[in-house]
C-alpha atoms as a PDB file:
ATOM      1  CA  MET A   1      43.888 -70.739  55.881  1.00  0.00           C
ATOM      2  CA  ARG A   2      42.637 -67.088  54.140  1.00  0.00           C
ATOM      3  CA  PHE A   3      41.913 -67.424  50.721  1.00  0.00           C
ATOM      4  CA  ASP A   4      40.482 -65.793  48.123  1.00  0.00           C
ATOM      5  CA  ALA A   5      38.682 -67.378  44.560  1.00  0.00           C
ATOM      6  CA  VAL A   6      37.410 -66.933  41.456  1.00  0.00           C
ATOM      7  CA  ILE A   7      34.881 -69.248  39.683  1.00  0.00           C
ATOM      8  CA  LEU A   8      35.674 -69.571  36.377  1.00  0.00           C
ATOM      9  CA  ALA A   9      32.470 -69.449  33.821  1.00  0.00           C
ATOM     10  CA  GLY A  10      32.936 -68.118  30.627  1.00  0.00           C
ATOM     11  CA  SER A  11      30.518 -69.243  28.038  1.00  0.00           C
ATOM     12  CA  ARG A  12      30.088 -69.771  24.323  1.00  0.00           C
ATOM     13  CA  GLY A  13      26.864 -68.700  24.571  1.00  0.00           C
ATOM     14  CA  PRO A  14      24.415 -69.625  21.088  1.00  0.00           C
ATOM     15  CA  GLN A  15      27.010 -71.926  20.177  1.00  0.00           C
ATOM     16  CA  ASP A  16      27.369 -73.896  23.581  1.00  0.00           C
ATOM     17  CA  ALA A  17      25.883 -77.053  22.478  1.00  0.00           C
ATOM     18  CA  LEU A  18      25.330 -78.514  26.254  1.00  0.00           C
ATOM     19  CA  ALA A  19      23.368 -75.153  27.214  1.00  0.00           C
ATOM     20  CA  HIS A  20      21.188 -75.800  24.421  1.00  0.00           C
ATOM     21  CA  HIS A  21      20.128 -78.834  24.985  1.00  0.00           C
ATOM     22  CA  ALA A  22      19.697 -78.018  28.427  1.00  0.00           C
ATOM     23  CA  GLY A  23      17.831 -75.368  27.060  1.00  0.00           C
ATOM     24  CA  VAL A  24      19.342 -72.177  28.588  1.00  0.00           C
ATOM     25  CA  SER A  25      21.553 -69.417  27.978  1.00  0.00           C
ATOM     26  CA  ASP A  26      24.400 -70.274  29.581  1.00  0.00           C
ATOM     27  CA  LYS A  27      27.024 -73.230  30.858  1.00  0.00           C
ATOM     28  CA  ALA A  28      26.718 -72.433  34.162  1.00  0.00           C
ATOM     29  CA  LEU A  29      22.575 -72.379  34.444  1.00  0.00           C
ATOM     30  CA  ILE A  30      21.984 -75.580  33.944  1.00  0.00           C
ATOM     31  CA  SER A  31      19.989 -76.567  37.006  1.00  0.00           C
ATOM     32  CA  PHE A  32      20.683 -79.289  39.641  1.00  0.00           C
ATOM     33  CA  GLU A  33      18.186 -79.784  42.458  1.00  0.00           C
ATOM     34  CA  GLY A  34      15.855 -76.267  41.278  1.00  0.00           C
ATOM     35  CA  ARG A  35      19.697 -74.103  41.217  1.00  0.00           C
ATOM     36  CA  PRO A  36      21.832 -73.670  38.726  1.00  0.00           C
ATOM     37  CA  MET A  37      24.783 -75.330  38.987  1.00  0.00           C
ATOM     38  CA  LEU A  38      27.106 -72.033  39.594  1.00  0.00           C
ATOM     39  CA  ALA A  39      25.170 -71.096  42.157  1.00  0.00           C
ATOM     40  CA  HIS A  40      26.190 -74.622  44.617  1.00  0.00           C
ATOM     41  CA  VAL A  41      29.887 -73.900  43.429  1.00  0.00           C
ATOM     42  CA  ILE A  42      29.631 -70.720  45.278  1.00  0.00           C
ATOM     43  CA  ALA A  43      27.771 -72.215  47.963  1.00  0.00           C
ATOM     44  CA  ALA A  44      30.849 -74.783  48.499  1.00  0.00           C
ATOM     45  CA  VAL A  45      33.603 -72.105  47.900  1.00  0.00           C
ATOM     46  CA  ARG A  46      31.848 -69.962  50.644  1.00  0.00           C
ATOM     47  CA  SER A  47      31.234 -72.816  52.846  1.00  0.00           C
ATOM     48  CA  ALA A  48      35.285 -73.873  52.683  1.00  0.00           C
ATOM     49  CA  GLY A  49      35.582 -70.246  53.955  1.00  0.00           C
ATOM     50  CA  ALA A  50      36.380 -68.656  51.135  1.00  0.00           C
ATOM     51  CA  GLY A  51      37.057 -64.496  51.219  1.00  0.00           C
ATOM     52  CA  ARG A  52      36.282 -62.549  47.988  1.00  0.00           C
ATOM     53  CA  ILE A  53      34.347 -64.358  45.943  1.00  0.00           C
ATOM     54  CA  ALA A  54      34.311 -63.512  42.414  1.00  0.00           C
ATOM     55  CA  VAL A  55      32.950 -64.853  39.271  1.00  0.00           C
ATOM     56  CA  SER A  56      34.591 -64.697  35.747  1.00  0.00           C
ATOM     57  CA  SER A  57      32.202 -64.374  33.148  1.00  0.00           C
ATOM     58  CA  ASN A  58      31.367 -61.945  30.102  1.00  0.00           C
ATOM     59  CA  SER A  59      27.610 -63.566  30.379  1.00  0.00           C
ATOM     60  CA  ALA A  60      24.454 -60.887  31.808  1.00  0.00           C
ATOM     61  CA  PRO A  61      22.378 -64.059  33.123  1.00  0.00           C
ATOM     62  CA  VAL A  62      25.789 -65.526  34.306  1.00  0.00           C
ATOM     63  CA  ARG A  63      27.090 -62.178  36.084  1.00  0.00           C
ATOM     64  CA  ALA A  64      23.888 -61.116  37.719  1.00  0.00           C
ATOM     65  CA  LEU A  65      23.275 -64.958  39.304  1.00  0.00           C
ATOM     66  CA  ALA A  66      26.816 -64.274  40.547  1.00  0.00           C
ATOM     67  CA  GLN A  67      25.749 -61.100  42.133  1.00  0.00           C
ATOM     68  CA  GLN A  68      22.526 -62.759  43.425  1.00  0.00           C
ATOM     69  CA  CYS A  69      24.759 -65.149  45.028  1.00  0.00           C
ATOM     70  CA  GLY A  70      26.950 -62.345  46.260  1.00  0.00           C
ATOM     71  CA  ALA A  71      29.957 -63.112  44.459  1.00  0.00           C
ATOM     72  CA  GLU A  72      32.144 -60.084  42.513  1.00  0.00           C
ATOM     73  CA  VAL A  73      32.134 -60.521  38.822  1.00  0.00           C
ATOM     74  CA  LEU A  74      35.110 -60.620  36.515  1.00  0.00           C
ATOM     75  CA  ASP A  75      35.794 -60.065  32.498  1.00  0.00           C
ATOM     76  CA  ALA A  76      36.377 -63.424  31.267  1.00  0.00           C
ATOM     77  CA  ALA A  77      39.160 -64.415  29.342  1.00  0.00           C
ATOM     78  CA  ALA A  78      39.405 -65.665  25.592  1.00  0.00           C
ATOM     79  CA  GLY A  79      40.437 -69.274  27.713  1.00  0.00           C
ATOM     80  CA  PRO A  80      40.245 -70.421  31.358  1.00  0.00           C
ATOM     81  CA  SER A  81      44.160 -69.963  31.557  1.00  0.00           C
ATOM     82  CA  GLY A  82      43.676 -66.168  30.404  1.00  0.00           C
ATOM     83  CA  SER A  83      40.137 -65.786  33.268  1.00  0.00           C
ATOM     84  CA  ALA A  84      42.150 -67.162  36.091  1.00  0.00           C
ATOM     85  CA  ALA A  85      45.377 -64.445  35.072  1.00  0.00           C
ATOM     86  CA  ALA A  86      42.911 -61.551  35.557  1.00  0.00           C
ATOM     87  CA  ALA A  87      41.541 -62.737  38.589  1.00  0.00           C
ATOM     88  CA  LEU A  88      45.254 -63.716  40.128  1.00  0.00           C
ATOM     89  CA  ASP A  89      46.247 -60.459  39.355  1.00  0.00           C
ATOM     90  CA  HIS A  90      43.064 -58.461  40.586  1.00  0.00           C
ATOM     91  CA  LEU A  91      42.461 -60.598  43.858  1.00  0.00           C
ATOM     92  CA  GLY A  92      45.753 -61.128  44.242  1.00  0.00           C
ATOM     93  CA  THR A  93      47.261 -64.932  46.594  1.00  0.00           C
ATOM     94  CA  PRO A  94      46.614 -67.295  47.334  1.00  0.00           C
ATOM     95  CA  LEU A  95      43.630 -67.795  45.489  1.00  0.00           C
ATOM     96  CA  LEU A  96      41.544 -70.809  44.993  1.00  0.00           C
ATOM     97  CA  VAL A  97      40.519 -71.441  41.440  1.00  0.00           C
ATOM     98  CA  ALA A  98      37.763 -73.009  40.660  1.00  0.00           C
ATOM     99  CA  THR A  99      34.907 -73.615  37.618  1.00  0.00           C
ATOM    100  CA  ALA A 100      30.980 -73.256  37.174  1.00  0.00           C
ATOM    101  CA  ASP A 101      30.686 -76.378  35.795  1.00  0.00           C
ATOM    102  CA  HIS A 102      31.279 -78.907  39.108  1.00  0.00           C
ATOM    103  CA  PRO A 103      27.877 -78.866  40.620  1.00  0.00           C
ATOM    104  CA  LEU A 104      28.906 -81.072  42.875  1.00  0.00           C
ATOM    105  CA  LEU A 105      32.102 -79.873  44.884  1.00  0.00           C
ATOM    106  CA  GLN A 106      31.460 -80.024  48.572  1.00  0.00           C
ATOM    107  CA  ARG A 107      33.299 -78.072  51.012  1.00  0.00           C
ATOM    108  CA  GLU A 108      35.064 -80.885  52.473  1.00  0.00           C
ATOM    109  CA  TRP A 109      37.283 -81.671  48.974  1.00  0.00           C
ATOM    110  CA  ILE A 110      38.531 -77.799  49.296  1.00  0.00           C
ATOM    111  CA  THR A 111      39.078 -78.016  52.616  1.00  0.00           C
ATOM    112  CA  GLN A 112      40.823 -81.292  52.160  1.00  0.00           C
ATOM    113  CA  PHE A 113      42.744 -79.714  49.451  1.00  0.00           C
ATOM    114  CA  LEU A 114      44.141 -76.744  50.693  1.00  0.00           C
ATOM    115  CA  ALA A 115      45.311 -78.489  53.957  1.00  0.00           C
ATOM    116  CA  ALA A 116      47.650 -81.574  51.782  1.00  0.00           C
ATOM    117  CA  CYS A 117      49.028 -78.241  49.542  1.00  0.00           C
ATOM    118  CA  PRO A 118      52.674 -78.939  50.265  1.00  0.00           C
ATOM    119  CA  ALA A 119      53.806 -76.322  52.148  1.00  0.00           C
ATOM    120  CA  TYR A 120      56.929 -75.134  49.362  1.00  0.00           C
ATOM    121  CA  ALA A 121      53.722 -75.173  46.601  1.00  0.00           C
ATOM    122  CA  ASP A 122      53.474 -72.021  44.578  1.00  0.00           C
ATOM    123  CA  ILE A 123      51.013 -74.297  42.693  1.00  0.00           C
ATOM    124  CA  ALA A 124      48.601 -77.132  43.483  1.00  0.00           C
ATOM    125  CA  ALA A 125      46.334 -78.878  41.094  1.00  0.00           C
ATOM    126  CA  LEU A 126      43.836 -81.480  42.714  1.00  0.00           C
ATOM    127  CA  LEU A 127      43.790 -84.801  40.960  1.00  0.00           C
ATOM    128  CA  ALA A 128      41.687 -87.866  40.983  1.00  0.00           C
ATOM    129  CA  GLU A 129      43.508 -91.569  40.119  1.00  0.00           C
ATOM    130  CA  ARG A 130      41.320 -93.501  37.981  1.00  0.00           C
ATOM    131  CA  SER A 131      40.244 -96.462  40.091  1.00  0.00           C
ATOM    132  CA  VAL A 132      39.073 -93.549  42.805  1.00  0.00           C
ATOM    133  CA  VAL A 133      36.719 -91.609  40.177  1.00  0.00           C
ATOM    134  CA  GLU A 134      35.863 -95.573  38.988  1.00  0.00           C
ATOM    135  CA  ALA A 135      34.841 -96.655  42.856  1.00  0.00           C
ATOM    136  CA  ALA A 136      32.226 -93.853  42.951  1.00  0.00           C
ATOM    137  CA  ALA A 137      30.694 -93.923  39.218  1.00  0.00           C
ATOM    138  CA  PRO A 138      31.633 -96.911  37.280  1.00  0.00           C
ATOM    139  CA  GLU A 139      29.896 -95.782  34.351  1.00  0.00           C
ATOM    140  CA  THR A 140      31.573 -91.868  33.780  1.00  0.00           C
ATOM    141  CA  ARG A 141      33.941 -91.503  31.560  1.00  0.00           C
ATOM    142  CA  ARG A 142      37.059 -88.952  31.449  1.00  0.00           C
ATOM    143  CA  THR A 143      39.697 -87.969  30.047  1.00  0.00           C
ATOM    144  CA  TYR A 144      43.091 -89.803  31.927  1.00  0.00           C
ATOM    145  CA  LEU A 145      46.372 -88.553  32.035  1.00  0.00           C
ATOM    146  CA  ARG A 146      48.438 -92.030  32.047  1.00  0.00           C
ATOM    147  CA  PHE A 147      51.691 -92.219  33.898  1.00  0.00           C
ATOM    148  CA  ALA A 148      53.785 -94.922  35.609  1.00  0.00           C
ATOM    149  CA  ASP A 149      52.070 -94.117  38.797  1.00  0.00           C
ATOM    150  CA  GLY A 150      48.371 -94.014  37.697  1.00  0.00           C
ATOM    151  CA  ASP A 151      46.034 -92.579  35.308  1.00  0.00           C
ATOM    152  CA  TRP A 152      45.065 -89.608  36.400  1.00  0.00           C
ATOM    153  CA  SER A 153      41.733 -87.238  35.697  1.00  0.00           C
ATOM    154  CA  GLY A 154      41.840 -83.217  36.834  1.00  0.00           C
ATOM    155  CA  CYS A 155      39.812 -82.328  39.704  1.00  0.00           C
ATOM    156  CA  ASN A 156      39.020 -78.048  38.313  1.00  0.00           C
ATOM    157  CA  LEU A 157      40.459 -77.340  41.295  1.00  0.00           C
ATOM    158  CA  PHE A 158      43.747 -75.144  41.864  1.00  0.00           C
ATOM    159  CA  PHE A 159      45.746 -73.531  44.179  1.00  0.00           C
ATOM    160  CA  CYS A 160      47.976 -70.227  43.343  1.00  0.00           C
ATOM    161  CA  ALA A 161      49.529 -70.031  46.561  1.00  0.00           C
ATOM    162  CA  THR A 162      52.059 -66.730  45.587  1.00  0.00           C
ATOM    163  CA  PRO A 163      52.678 -65.026  43.310  1.00  0.00           C
ATOM    164  CA  ALA A 164      55.206 -67.647  41.559  1.00  0.00           C
ATOM    165  CA  ALA A 165      52.446 -69.189  40.411  1.00  0.00           C
ATOM    166  CA  ARG A 166      51.107 -66.735  36.837  1.00  0.00           C
ATOM    167  CA  GLY A 167      54.434 -68.011  35.407  1.00  0.00           C
ATOM    168  CA  ALA A 168      51.995 -71.735  35.649  1.00  0.00           C
ATOM    169  CA  ILE A 169      49.172 -70.006  34.938  1.00  0.00           C
ATOM    170  CA  ASP A 170      50.920 -68.169  31.556  1.00  0.00           C
ATOM    171  CA  LEU A 171      52.630 -71.823  30.867  1.00  0.00           C
ATOM    172  CA  TRP A 172      49.233 -73.203  30.845  1.00  0.00           C
ATOM    173  CA  ARG A 173      47.570 -70.505  28.566  1.00  0.00           C
ATOM    174  CA  SER A 174      50.030 -71.482  25.757  1.00  0.00           C
ATOM    175  CA  ILE A 175      49.444 -75.961  26.369  1.00  0.00           C
ATOM    176  CA  GLU A 176      45.370 -74.903  26.885  1.00  0.00           C
ATOM    177  CA  ALA A 177      44.419 -76.223  23.038  1.00  0.00           C
ATOM    178  CA  ASP A 178      46.763 -79.586  23.753  1.00  0.00           C
ATOM    179  CA  ARG A 179      44.492 -80.539  27.278  1.00  0.00           C
ATOM    180  CA  LYS A 180      43.501 -83.027  25.768  1.00  0.00           C
ATOM    181  CA  ARG A 181      46.359 -84.341  23.475  1.00  0.00           C
ATOM    182  CA  PRO A 182      48.612 -85.099  27.383  1.00  0.00           C
ATOM    183  CA  TRP A 183      51.714 -85.741  24.957  1.00  0.00           C
ATOM    184  CA  ARG A 184      51.820 -82.854  23.127  1.00  0.00           C
ATOM    185  CA  ILE A 185      52.396 -80.484  26.628  1.00  0.00           C
ATOM    186  CA  VAL A 186      55.224 -83.648  27.948  1.00  0.00           C
ATOM    187  CA  ARG A 187      56.617 -82.651  24.790  1.00  0.00           C
ATOM    188  CA  ARG A 188      57.735 -79.078  26.229  1.00  0.00           C
ATOM    189  CA  LEU A 189      59.610 -81.517  28.659  1.00  0.00           C
ATOM    190  CA  GLY A 190      62.422 -82.531  26.443  1.00  0.00           C
ATOM    191  CA  PRO A 191      62.677 -85.828  24.517  1.00  0.00           C
ATOM    192  CA  ARG A 192      63.997 -87.685  27.688  1.00  0.00           C
ATOM    193  CA  MET A 193      60.402 -86.925  28.892  1.00  0.00           C
ATOM    194  CA  LEU A 194      58.657 -87.523  26.096  1.00  0.00           C
ATOM    195  CA  LEU A 195      60.094 -90.991  25.280  1.00  0.00           C
ATOM    196  CA  GLY A 196      59.261 -91.555  29.283  1.00  0.00           C
ATOM    197  CA  TYR A 197      55.239 -91.167  28.804  1.00  0.00           C
ATOM    198  CA  LEU A 198      55.470 -92.597  25.032  1.00  0.00           C
ATOM    199  CA  THR A 199      57.168 -96.060  27.062  1.00  0.00           C
ATOM    200  CA  GLY A 200      54.645 -95.464  30.609  1.00  0.00           C
ATOM    201  CA  ARG A 201      58.032 -94.623  32.832  1.00  0.00           C
ATOM    202  CA  LEU A 202      57.204 -91.321  33.605  1.00  0.00           C
ATOM    203  CA  ALA A 203      56.092 -90.545  36.843  1.00  0.00           C
ATOM    204  CA  LEU A 204      53.251 -87.679  37.306  1.00  0.00           C
ATOM    205  CA  ALA A 205      54.929 -86.306  39.789  1.00  0.00           C
ATOM    206  CA  THR A 206      58.225 -85.677  37.979  1.00  0.00           C
ATOM    207  CA  ALA A 207      56.702 -83.938  34.785  1.00  0.00           C
ATOM    208  CA  VAL A 208      54.862 -81.729  37.121  1.00  0.00           C
ATOM    209  CA  ARG A 209      57.841 -80.722  38.840  1.00  0.00           C
ATOM    210  CA  ARG A 210      59.780 -80.211  35.469  1.00  0.00           C
ATOM    211  CA  LEU A 211      56.635 -78.530  34.490  1.00  0.00           C
ATOM    212  CA  GLY A 212      56.676 -76.205  37.041  1.00  0.00           C
ATOM    213  CA  ALA A 213      60.924 -75.502  36.697  1.00  0.00           C
ATOM    214  CA  LEU A 214      59.763 -74.319  33.176  1.00  0.00           C
ATOM    215  CA  THR A 215      58.237 -71.628  34.740  1.00  0.00           C
ATOM    216  CA  GLY A 216      59.857 -70.487  37.939  1.00  0.00           C
ATOM    217  CA  ALA A 217      57.050 -72.094  40.173  1.00  0.00           C
ATOM    218  CA  ARG A 218      57.322 -74.498  42.438  1.00  0.00           C
ATOM    219  CA  ALA A 219      54.625 -77.111  41.586  1.00  0.00           C
ATOM    220  CA  ALA A 220      52.484 -80.064  43.158  1.00  0.00           C
ATOM    221  CA  ILE A 221      49.521 -82.590  43.026  1.00  0.00           C
ATOM    222  CA  VAL A 222      47.218 -83.384  45.675  1.00  0.00           C
ATOM    223  CA  ALA A 223      45.798 -87.056  44.814  1.00  0.00           C
ATOM    224  CA  SER A 224      41.498 -86.467  46.164  1.00  0.00           C
ATOM    225  CA  PRO A 225      40.744 -89.391  47.630  1.00  0.00           C
ATOM    226  CA  PHE A 226      36.790 -88.263  46.794  1.00  0.00           C
ATOM    227  CA  GLY A 227      36.136 -89.815  43.175  1.00  0.00           C
ATOM    228  CA  GLU A 228      33.326 -87.345  42.386  1.00  0.00           C
ATOM    229  CA  ALA A 229      35.604 -84.278  42.351  1.00  0.00           C
ATOM    230  CA  ALA A 230      36.609 -85.722  38.896  1.00  0.00           C
ATOM    231  CA  ILE A 231      32.811 -85.076  37.409  1.00  0.00           C
ATOM    232  CA  ASP A 232      32.247 -81.669  35.829  1.00  0.00           C
ATOM    233  CA  VAL A 233      29.229 -81.710  33.549  1.00  0.00           C
ATOM    234  CA  ASP A 234      30.981 -81.700  29.974  1.00  0.00           C
ATOM    235  CA  LYS A 235      28.261 -83.318  28.122  1.00  0.00           C
ATOM    236  CA  PRO A 236      24.573 -84.128  28.707  1.00  0.00           C
ATOM    237  CA  ALA A 237      25.157 -88.142  30.033  1.00  0.00           C
ATOM    238  CA  ASP A 238      27.786 -85.647  32.908  1.00  0.00           C
ATOM    239  CA  ILE A 239      23.904 -83.906  33.316  1.00  0.00           C
ATOM    240  CA  ALA A 240      21.878 -87.297  33.786  1.00  0.00           C
ATOM    241  CA  LEU A 241      25.073 -89.115  36.222  1.00  0.00           C
ATOM    242  CA  VAL A 242      25.169 -85.818  38.011  1.00  0.00           C
ATOM    243  CA  ARG A 243      21.690 -85.586  38.951  1.00  0.00           C
ATOM    244  CA  ASP A 244      21.654 -89.317  39.952  1.00  0.00           C
ATOM    245  CA  LEU A 245      24.765 -88.612  42.556  1.00  0.00           C
ATOM    246  CA  LEU A 246      23.347 -85.935  44.218  1.00  0.00           C
ATOM    247  CA  ALA A 247      19.969 -87.571  44.366  1.00  0.00           C
ATOM    248  CA  ALA A 248      21.760 -90.400  45.639  1.00  0.00           C
ATOM    249  CA  ARG A 249      23.902 -87.868  47.916  1.00  0.00           C
ATOM    250  CA  ARG A 250      20.969 -86.920  49.214  1.00  0.00           C
ATOM    251  CA  THR A 251      18.870 -90.012  50.633  1.00  0.00           C
ATOM    252  CA  GLY A 252      22.369 -91.891  51.519  1.00  0.00           C
END
């Protein structure tokens, strides 16, 4: 499958507590196994077969690294969704959207995701169910979306298959501030679905279909069999965990 990719690498600059903790200017530059994590992500996306690869960032050091790794650079918007929208306008579809804080990313996760995307979908997201995540890393603490068919964690991979995906990204922009409060997102689906969510009767696939319908895009989720796909680097404990998992991958 031919596709291009964008890696979101927006930075809070000197206000980024995690970058400060790691002693670097930008979160994307935190080192794992001797390479900045952005370099890990670019390598994984390239090995999965991406054509054009762009990195969305306004940081000079991050942009320089992206170019050293053979990627294009795009200006980042105010938030991840805005940057994804700008990349979609620039690169078109089909477009894989990834994030720079995912140094565990592997080619197989991407190729499996793309192969499993339903043919009807304009946009798809990769998620991992809680039991799969905890089997891979029992000590990790993630944010889960709790639905009737399980507790799900995002894997920071999205596939915009057609131009209609733009409507879903525009909705993402409007709900970005609520990403840690799923009930506020579900509230947009209407009172019946909100009640279903609050009482544990709403299935994730139903919610995703409804969200897609609100935007004119056919949306789908893909369940990842790889629990580590849900582990990104958001806090100091994640740095230590990812380093341990990479070391285990090397020796395993």
